[in-house]
Amino acid sequence: MNNLHGFGFEGSDLRRYPAARYVASAAAAGLLAAIPPERVGLDGQYDHSGLVKRVDLALRQSLGDASVAQLEIAQRGKVVVFRGKSLDDRLVRKITCLALAIDGADWVEVVDSARQPQVA
C-alpha cells in the first residue's frame, strides 16, 4: 500500500504515473495553506506571535513610541493582553479600540499593575 490509498492508485507503480506523486502533496498543501489570522506576521507569513507584532506596530504608528513604551503587550491565542502601571482610562480605551481593529484579535485584557493588590 502506498500513501495514495483511496485515490485510485492502490498498488500502482508511481514511476509509471509521475503526476500521481503530486496529488497527495497538493492536497496536503491546500489544507496547510490557511494561516489563522492571529498567527499572521508582519510580512504575511506564519508567525506564532504575529498578532502582538501587528498590534504593537499599529499602536506605535497611531500613538507614538512614548505611549507604547509603558506597555507590555502579550498574546494568548486571539486575546491581546496589555500590562502597565498607572494606565489612564483614555489610553485604555484607545489601545482597546486599536487592538480590536486588528484582524485576529477577539478580546483584549488590560492589567494595571498599580491597581492590582500586591502579594508579599
N, C-alpha and C. Protein backbone atom coordinates (compact mmCIF):
# COMPACT_ATOMS: atom_id res chain seq x y z
N MET A 1 0.84 -1.17 0.00
CA MET A 1 0.00 0.00 0.00
C MET A 1 0.90 1.24 0.00
N ASN A 2 0.51 2.24 -0.75
CA ASN A 2 1.29 3.48 -0.78
C ASN A 2 0.49 4.61 -0.12
N ASN A 3 1.04 5.81 -0.13
CA ASN A 3 0.39 6.92 0.53
C ASN A 3 -0.76 7.51 -0.27
N LEU A 4 -1.08 6.92 -1.41
CA LEU A 4 -2.18 7.39 -2.24
C LEU A 4 -3.39 6.47 -2.16
N HIS A 5 -3.48 5.71 -1.08
CA HIS A 5 -4.60 4.81 -0.88
C HIS A 5 -5.90 5.62 -0.87
N GLY A 6 -6.86 5.22 -1.63
CA GLY A 6 -8.13 5.92 -1.69
C GLY A 6 -8.23 6.88 -2.87
N PHE A 7 -7.11 7.13 -3.55
CA PHE A 7 -7.13 7.99 -4.73
C PHE A 7 -7.20 7.18 -6.03
N GLY A 8 -7.29 5.86 -5.93
CA GLY A 8 -7.36 5.02 -7.11
C GLY A 8 -6.00 4.56 -7.61
N PHE A 9 -4.94 4.77 -6.81
CA PHE A 9 -3.60 4.38 -7.22
C PHE A 9 -3.07 3.23 -6.38
N GLU A 10 -3.95 2.47 -5.73
CA GLU A 10 -3.51 1.39 -4.88
C GLU A 10 -2.73 0.36 -5.69
N GLY A 11 -1.54 0.05 -5.21
CA GLY A 11 -0.74 -0.98 -5.86
C GLY A 11 -0.12 -0.55 -7.17
N SER A 12 -0.25 0.69 -7.56
CA SER A 12 0.31 1.12 -8.84
C SER A 12 1.76 1.56 -8.67
N ASP A 13 2.46 1.53 -9.75
CA ASP A 13 3.85 1.96 -9.75
C ASP A 13 3.89 3.46 -10.05
N LEU A 14 4.36 4.27 -9.06
CA LEU A 14 4.35 5.71 -9.22
C LEU A 14 5.32 6.19 -10.29
N ARG A 15 6.25 5.33 -10.70
CA ARG A 15 7.15 5.73 -11.79
C ARG A 15 6.41 5.78 -13.11
N ARG A 16 5.37 4.97 -13.23
CA ARG A 16 4.58 4.98 -14.47
C ARG A 16 3.59 6.14 -14.48
N TYR A 17 3.26 6.67 -13.30
CA TYR A 17 2.30 7.78 -13.19
C TYR A 17 2.95 8.92 -12.41
N PRO A 18 3.84 9.69 -13.04
CA PRO A 18 4.55 10.73 -12.29
C PRO A 18 3.63 11.80 -11.70
N ALA A 19 2.50 12.05 -12.31
CA ALA A 19 1.59 13.06 -11.79
C ALA A 19 0.94 12.60 -10.48
N ALA A 20 0.91 11.29 -10.25
CA ALA A 20 0.27 10.77 -9.04
C ALA A 20 1.01 11.20 -7.78
N ARG A 21 2.30 11.46 -7.90
CA ARG A 21 3.08 11.89 -6.74
C ARG A 21 2.59 13.22 -6.21
N TYR A 22 2.08 14.05 -7.08
CA TYR A 22 1.72 15.40 -6.69
C TYR A 22 0.29 15.52 -6.16
N VAL A 23 -0.50 14.47 -6.31
CA VAL A 23 -1.88 14.51 -5.82
C VAL A 23 -1.89 14.66 -4.31
N ALA A 24 -1.13 13.84 -3.62
CA ALA A 24 -1.10 13.89 -2.16
C ALA A 24 -0.46 15.18 -1.67
N SER A 25 0.62 15.63 -2.30
CA SER A 25 1.27 16.85 -1.84
C SER A 25 0.40 18.07 -2.10
N ALA A 26 -0.34 18.09 -3.19
CA ALA A 26 -1.22 19.22 -3.46
C ALA A 26 -2.38 19.25 -2.47
N ALA A 27 -2.90 18.07 -2.13
CA ALA A 27 -3.98 18.03 -1.15
C ALA A 27 -3.49 18.50 0.22
N ALA A 28 -2.29 18.05 0.61
CA ALA A 28 -1.74 18.48 1.89
C ALA A 28 -1.42 19.96 1.90
N ALA A 29 -0.93 20.50 0.80
CA ALA A 29 -0.61 21.93 0.74
C ALA A 29 -1.87 22.77 0.86
N GLY A 30 -2.96 22.31 0.29
CA GLY A 30 -4.22 23.05 0.39
C GLY A 30 -4.74 23.10 1.82
N LEU A 31 -4.55 22.03 2.55
CA LEU A 31 -5.02 22.00 3.94
C LEU A 31 -4.15 22.86 4.85
N LEU A 32 -2.88 22.98 4.54
CA LEU A 32 -1.96 23.71 5.40
C LEU A 32 -1.73 25.15 4.95
N ALA A 33 -2.33 25.55 3.85
CA ALA A 33 -2.07 26.88 3.30
C ALA A 33 -2.73 27.99 4.11
N ALA A 34 -3.81 27.72 4.78
CA ALA A 34 -4.53 28.75 5.53
C ALA A 34 -3.85 28.98 6.87
N ILE A 35 -3.44 30.21 7.11
CA ILE A 35 -2.81 30.59 8.38
C ILE A 35 -3.89 31.25 9.23
N PRO A 36 -4.05 30.84 10.49
CA PRO A 36 -5.03 31.52 11.35
C PRO A 36 -4.68 33.00 11.46
N PRO A 37 -5.67 33.89 11.49
CA PRO A 37 -5.39 35.32 11.49
C PRO A 37 -4.55 35.80 12.67
N GLU A 38 -4.63 35.12 13.81
CA GLU A 38 -3.83 35.53 14.96
C GLU A 38 -2.37 35.11 14.83
N ARG A 39 -2.05 34.31 13.82
CA ARG A 39 -0.68 33.83 13.61
C ARG A 39 -0.02 34.44 12.37
N VAL A 40 -0.65 35.41 11.75
CA VAL A 40 -0.08 36.07 10.58
C VAL A 40 0.87 37.16 11.05
N GLY A 41 2.10 37.12 10.57
CA GLY A 41 3.11 38.09 10.98
C GLY A 41 3.07 39.36 10.16
N LEU A 42 4.04 40.22 10.39
CA LEU A 42 4.12 41.50 9.69
C LEU A 42 4.31 41.34 8.19
N ASP A 43 4.98 40.26 7.79
CA ASP A 43 5.26 40.04 6.38
C ASP A 43 4.24 39.13 5.70
N GLY A 44 3.18 38.75 6.42
CA GLY A 44 2.15 37.88 5.86
C GLY A 44 2.44 36.40 6.00
N GLN A 45 3.60 36.05 6.53
CA GLN A 45 3.96 34.66 6.74
C GLN A 45 3.54 34.22 8.15
N TYR A 46 3.60 32.92 8.40
CA TYR A 46 3.26 32.40 9.72
C TYR A 46 4.22 32.93 10.77
N ASP A 47 3.66 33.42 11.86
CA ASP A 47 4.45 33.90 13.00
C ASP A 47 3.63 33.61 14.24
N HIS A 48 4.18 32.83 15.15
CA HIS A 48 3.44 32.42 16.35
C HIS A 48 2.94 33.64 17.15
N SER A 49 3.73 34.70 17.19
CA SER A 49 3.32 35.91 17.91
C SER A 49 3.02 37.05 16.94
N GLY A 50 2.44 36.72 15.81
CA GLY A 50 2.16 37.71 14.78
C GLY A 50 1.15 38.76 15.20
N LEU A 51 0.12 38.37 15.94
CA LEU A 51 -0.88 39.33 16.38
C LEU A 51 -0.26 40.41 17.25
N VAL A 52 0.60 40.04 18.17
CA VAL A 52 1.26 41.01 19.05
C VAL A 52 2.10 41.98 18.23
N LYS A 53 2.82 41.48 17.27
CA LYS A 53 3.66 42.34 16.45
C LYS A 53 2.84 43.32 15.62
N ARG A 54 1.70 42.86 15.09
CA ARG A 54 0.85 43.76 14.31
C ARG A 54 0.16 44.79 15.20
N VAL A 55 -0.26 44.39 16.41
CA VAL A 55 -0.86 45.33 17.35
C VAL A 55 0.18 46.36 17.79
N ASP A 56 1.38 45.91 18.10
CA ASP A 56 2.45 46.82 18.51
C ASP A 56 2.75 47.84 17.42
N LEU A 57 2.83 47.41 16.18
CA LEU A 57 3.08 48.32 15.07
C LEU A 57 1.95 49.34 14.92
N ALA A 58 0.71 48.88 15.02
CA ALA A 58 -0.43 49.80 14.90
C ALA A 58 -0.44 50.83 16.03
N LEU A 59 -0.13 50.39 17.24
CA LEU A 59 -0.09 51.32 18.37
C LEU A 59 1.03 52.34 18.21
N ARG A 60 2.19 51.89 17.77
CA ARG A 60 3.32 52.81 17.58
C ARG A 60 3.01 53.83 16.47
N GLN A 61 2.35 53.40 15.42
CA GLN A 61 2.01 54.32 14.34
C GLN A 61 0.93 55.31 14.77
N SER A 62 0.01 54.87 15.58
CA SER A 62 -1.11 55.72 15.97
C SER A 62 -0.80 56.60 17.18
N LEU A 63 -0.18 56.02 18.21
CA LEU A 63 0.03 56.74 19.47
C LEU A 63 1.45 57.24 19.66
N GLY A 64 2.40 56.67 18.96
CA GLY A 64 3.80 57.04 19.13
C GLY A 64 4.51 56.10 20.07
N ASP A 65 5.83 56.14 19.99
CA ASP A 65 6.66 55.22 20.78
C ASP A 65 6.58 55.48 22.28
N ALA A 66 6.41 56.73 22.68
CA ALA A 66 6.40 57.07 24.11
C ALA A 66 5.21 56.44 24.82
N SER A 67 4.05 56.44 24.20
CA SER A 67 2.86 55.86 24.83
C SER A 67 2.95 54.35 24.91
N VAL A 68 3.54 53.73 23.91
CA VAL A 68 3.63 52.27 23.86
C VAL A 68 4.75 51.76 24.76
N ALA A 69 5.74 52.60 25.05
CA ALA A 69 6.88 52.17 25.86
C ALA A 69 6.48 51.74 27.26
N GLN A 70 5.41 52.31 27.80
CA GLN A 70 4.98 51.95 29.15
C GLN A 70 4.14 50.67 29.20
N LEU A 71 3.87 50.08 28.03
CA LEU A 71 3.03 48.88 27.95
C LEU A 71 3.85 47.64 27.67
N GLU A 72 3.43 46.56 28.27
CA GLU A 72 3.92 45.23 27.89
C GLU A 72 2.77 44.56 27.16
N ILE A 73 3.02 44.11 25.96
CA ILE A 73 1.96 43.52 25.14
C ILE A 73 2.25 42.03 24.98
N ALA A 74 1.23 41.22 25.23
CA ALA A 74 1.36 39.77 25.10
C ALA A 74 0.16 39.23 24.32
N GLN A 75 0.26 37.98 23.93
CA GLN A 75 -0.79 37.33 23.16
C GLN A 75 -1.07 35.97 23.76
N ARG A 76 -2.35 35.65 23.88
CA ARG A 76 -2.78 34.32 24.31
C ARG A 76 -3.85 33.89 23.32
N GLY A 77 -3.43 33.24 22.25
CA GLY A 77 -4.37 32.88 21.19
C GLY A 77 -4.86 34.14 20.49
N LYS A 78 -6.17 34.37 20.53
CA LYS A 78 -6.77 35.55 19.92
C LYS A 78 -6.98 36.68 20.92
N VAL A 79 -6.40 36.53 22.10
CA VAL A 79 -6.53 37.54 23.17
C VAL A 79 -5.25 38.36 23.23
N VAL A 80 -5.41 39.69 23.21
CA VAL A 80 -4.27 40.59 23.37
C VAL A 80 -4.27 41.06 24.81
N VAL A 81 -3.13 40.93 25.49
CA VAL A 81 -3.02 41.30 26.91
C VAL A 81 -2.06 42.48 27.03
N PHE A 82 -2.55 43.57 27.63
CA PHE A 82 -1.74 44.75 27.90
C PHE A 82 -1.47 44.80 29.40
N ARG A 83 -0.21 45.05 29.75
CA ARG A 83 0.17 45.23 31.15
C ARG A 83 0.93 46.55 31.26
N GLY A 84 0.65 47.26 32.34
CA GLY A 84 1.35 48.52 32.55
C GLY A 84 1.03 49.07 33.92
N LYS A 85 1.64 50.20 34.25
CA LYS A 85 1.41 50.85 35.54
C LYS A 85 0.71 52.17 35.31
N SER A 86 -0.28 52.44 36.14
CA SER A 86 -1.00 53.71 36.14
C SER A 86 -1.52 54.07 34.75
N LEU A 87 -2.25 53.16 34.16
CA LEU A 87 -2.82 53.40 32.84
C LEU A 87 -4.08 54.26 32.99
N ASP A 88 -4.14 55.38 32.29
CA ASP A 88 -5.34 56.22 32.38
C ASP A 88 -6.44 55.65 31.48
N ASP A 89 -7.66 56.02 31.78
CA ASP A 89 -8.82 55.46 31.09
C ASP A 89 -8.82 55.80 29.60
N ARG A 90 -8.37 56.99 29.25
CA ARG A 90 -8.34 57.40 27.85
C ARG A 90 -7.39 56.51 27.04
N LEU A 91 -6.22 56.23 27.58
CA LEU A 91 -5.26 55.36 26.91
C LEU A 91 -5.81 53.93 26.79
N VAL A 92 -6.46 53.45 27.84
CA VAL A 92 -7.02 52.10 27.81
C VAL A 92 -8.07 51.99 26.71
N ARG A 93 -8.93 52.99 26.58
CA ARG A 93 -9.95 52.97 25.52
C ARG A 93 -9.31 52.97 24.14
N LYS A 94 -8.27 53.79 23.95
CA LYS A 94 -7.60 53.87 22.64
C LYS A 94 -6.93 52.55 22.28
N ILE A 95 -6.16 51.98 23.21
CA ILE A 95 -5.44 50.75 22.88
C ILE A 95 -6.41 49.59 22.67
N THR A 96 -7.52 49.60 23.40
CA THR A 96 -8.52 48.55 23.22
C THR A 96 -9.15 48.64 21.84
N CYS A 97 -9.55 49.84 21.43
CA CYS A 97 -10.16 50.02 20.11
C CYS A 97 -9.19 49.67 18.99
N LEU A 98 -7.94 50.12 19.13
CA LEU A 98 -6.94 49.83 18.11
C LEU A 98 -6.65 48.33 18.02
N ALA A 99 -6.54 47.67 19.16
CA ALA A 99 -6.23 46.23 19.16
C ALA A 99 -7.37 45.42 18.56
N LEU A 100 -8.60 45.77 18.89
CA LEU A 100 -9.74 45.01 18.37
C LEU A 100 -9.95 45.24 16.88
N ALA A 101 -9.38 46.30 16.33
CA ALA A 101 -9.49 46.56 14.89
C ALA A 101 -8.53 45.70 14.08
N ILE A 102 -7.56 45.07 14.74
CA ILE A 102 -6.58 44.23 14.05
C ILE A 102 -7.19 42.86 13.79
N ASP A 103 -7.02 42.35 12.59
CA ASP A 103 -7.55 41.04 12.21
C ASP A 103 -6.93 39.96 13.07
N GLY A 104 -7.76 39.15 13.69
CA GLY A 104 -7.30 38.06 14.54
C GLY A 104 -7.48 38.31 16.02
N ALA A 105 -7.74 39.56 16.41
CA ALA A 105 -7.95 39.89 17.83
C ALA A 105 -9.44 39.78 18.15
N ASP A 106 -9.77 38.93 19.10
CA ASP A 106 -11.16 38.76 19.52
C ASP A 106 -11.45 39.37 20.88
N TRP A 107 -10.43 39.56 21.70
CA TRP A 107 -10.63 40.01 23.06
C TRP A 107 -9.39 40.77 23.52
N VAL A 108 -9.57 41.72 24.43
CA VAL A 108 -8.46 42.48 24.98
C VAL A 108 -8.55 42.43 26.50
N GLU A 109 -7.42 42.14 27.15
CA GLU A 109 -7.32 42.20 28.60
C GLU A 109 -6.33 43.30 28.96
N VAL A 110 -6.69 44.11 29.94
CA VAL A 110 -5.80 45.17 30.41
C VAL A 110 -5.53 44.93 31.88
N VAL A 111 -4.26 44.81 32.22
CA VAL A 111 -3.85 44.58 33.61
C VAL A 111 -3.05 45.80 34.05
N ASP A 112 -3.61 46.54 34.99
CA ASP A 112 -2.92 47.72 35.55
C ASP A 112 -2.27 47.27 36.83
N SER A 113 -0.96 47.14 36.81
CA SER A 113 -0.25 46.59 37.98
C SER A 113 -0.28 47.54 39.16
N ALA A 114 -0.54 48.81 38.95
CA ALA A 114 -0.64 49.76 40.07
C ALA A 114 -1.95 49.54 40.85
N ARG A 115 -2.96 49.02 40.20
CA ARG A 115 -4.25 48.80 40.85
C ARG A 115 -4.41 47.37 41.37
N GLN A 116 -3.46 46.51 41.05
CA GLN A 116 -3.53 45.12 41.49
C GLN A 116 -3.06 45.03 42.94
N PRO A 117 -3.68 44.20 43.76
CA PRO A 117 -3.19 44.01 45.12
C PRO A 117 -1.80 43.39 45.12
N GLN A 118 -0.94 43.91 45.92
CA GLN A 118 0.43 43.41 45.99
C GLN A 118 0.48 42.23 46.98
N VAL A 119 1.13 41.16 46.56
CA VAL A 119 1.27 39.99 47.40
C VAL A 119 2.67 40.01 47.99
N ALA A 120 2.74 39.90 49.30
CA ALA A 120 4.05 39.97 49.97
C ALA A 120 4.74 38.64 49.96
